[in-house]
Protein backbone atom coordinates (compact mmCIF):
# COMPACT_ATOMS: atom_id res chain seq x y z
CA MET A 1 9.50 -4.22 -9.23
CA THR A 2 7.91 -6.98 -7.18
CA ASN A 3 5.24 -9.55 -7.91
CA LEU A 4 2.70 -7.07 -6.43
CA CYS A 5 3.75 -3.60 -7.51
CA VAL A 6 6.41 -1.22 -8.77
CA LEU A 7 8.30 0.74 -6.12
CA ASP A 8 10.71 3.67 -6.25
CA TRP A 9 12.51 6.10 -3.96
CA GLU A 10 11.44 9.29 -5.70
CA THR A 11 10.30 11.14 -2.59
CA PRO A 12 11.97 14.14 -0.95
CA ASP A 13 13.45 11.97 1.84
CA HIS A 14 14.03 8.91 -0.42
CA THR A 15 11.46 6.79 1.42
CA MET A 16 10.21 3.86 -0.65
CA ARG A 17 7.04 4.74 -2.55
CA VAL A 18 4.48 2.61 -4.32
CA ARG A 19 4.55 3.74 -7.93
CA SER A 20 1.91 1.41 -9.42
CA LEU A 21 -0.07 -1.69 -8.53
CA HIS A 22 -0.03 -4.78 -10.72
CA PRO A 23 -3.44 -5.77 -12.14
CA GLY A 24 -5.68 -7.33 -9.49
CA VAL A 25 -3.49 -6.32 -6.53
CA THR A 26 -4.73 -4.04 -3.74
CA ILE A 27 -2.68 -1.59 -1.72
CA ASP A 28 -3.67 -3.55 1.40
CA GLU A 29 -1.94 -6.64 -0.04
CA VAL A 30 1.22 -4.63 -0.71
CA VAL A 31 1.27 -3.08 2.77
CA GLU A 32 0.64 -6.47 4.40
CA ALA A 33 3.53 -8.05 2.45
CA THR A 34 5.97 -5.24 3.28
CA GLY A 35 7.98 -5.14 6.50
CA PHE A 36 8.41 -1.35 6.57
CA GLU A 37 6.42 1.82 6.01
CA LEU A 38 5.73 2.85 2.43
CA VAL A 39 4.72 6.15 0.90
CA VAL A 40 1.35 5.55 -0.74
CA PRO A 41 0.11 8.25 -3.13
CA ASP A 42 -3.59 9.11 -3.19
CA VAL A 43 -3.84 7.91 -6.80
CA LEU A 44 -2.11 4.70 -7.86
CA PRO A 45 -2.07 3.71 -11.52
CA GLU A 46 -2.14 0.11 -12.66
CA SER A 47 1.23 -1.27 -13.77
CA ARG A 48 1.50 -1.84 -17.49
CA LEU A 49 1.61 -5.40 -18.70
CA PRO A 50 4.74 -6.60 -20.49
CA THR A 51 4.65 -6.62 -24.26
CA ASP A 52 4.76 -9.88 -26.20
CA ASP A 53 8.36 -9.12 -27.13
CA GLU A 54 9.34 -8.47 -23.49
CA LEU A 55 7.74 -11.78 -22.45
CA ARG A 56 9.57 -13.60 -25.24
CA LEU A 57 12.89 -12.11 -24.15
CA LEU A 58 12.28 -13.11 -20.53
CA ARG A 59 11.23 -16.65 -21.42
CA GLU A 60 13.65 -17.40 -24.25
CA VAL A 61 16.74 -15.24 -23.72
CA ILE A 62 17.03 -14.02 -20.13
CA ASP A 63 15.61 -17.05 -18.29
CA PRO A 64 15.10 -19.96 -20.69
CA ASP A 65 15.21 -22.48 -17.81
CA GLY A 66 12.33 -20.77 -15.97
CA LEU A 67 14.31 -20.17 -12.78
CA ARG A 68 12.16 -17.12 -12.04
CA GLU A 69 9.31 -19.52 -11.22
CA LYS A 70 11.21 -20.63 -8.09
CA GLU A 71 11.17 -17.05 -6.76
CA VAL A 72 7.81 -15.81 -8.02
CA PRO A 73 5.54 -18.68 -9.12
CA ASN A 74 2.83 -18.01 -11.68
CA ALA A 75 -0.60 -17.69 -10.12
């Protein structure tokens, strides 16, 4: 998972594939931000948003000091 999309290696030759795009992100943005070739399916679903409970866990349990903001700042 990145700040733009979800990726996996579930292709026959284990080449990285775009699995879904985060809301508001285009495939062109993902390709431009990637330094290698990606497998891009014809149909790309939108990534699901985290649930309220998942957000709470991230903010309060996993990263209560907000260190993730240094790597991937909120837009």
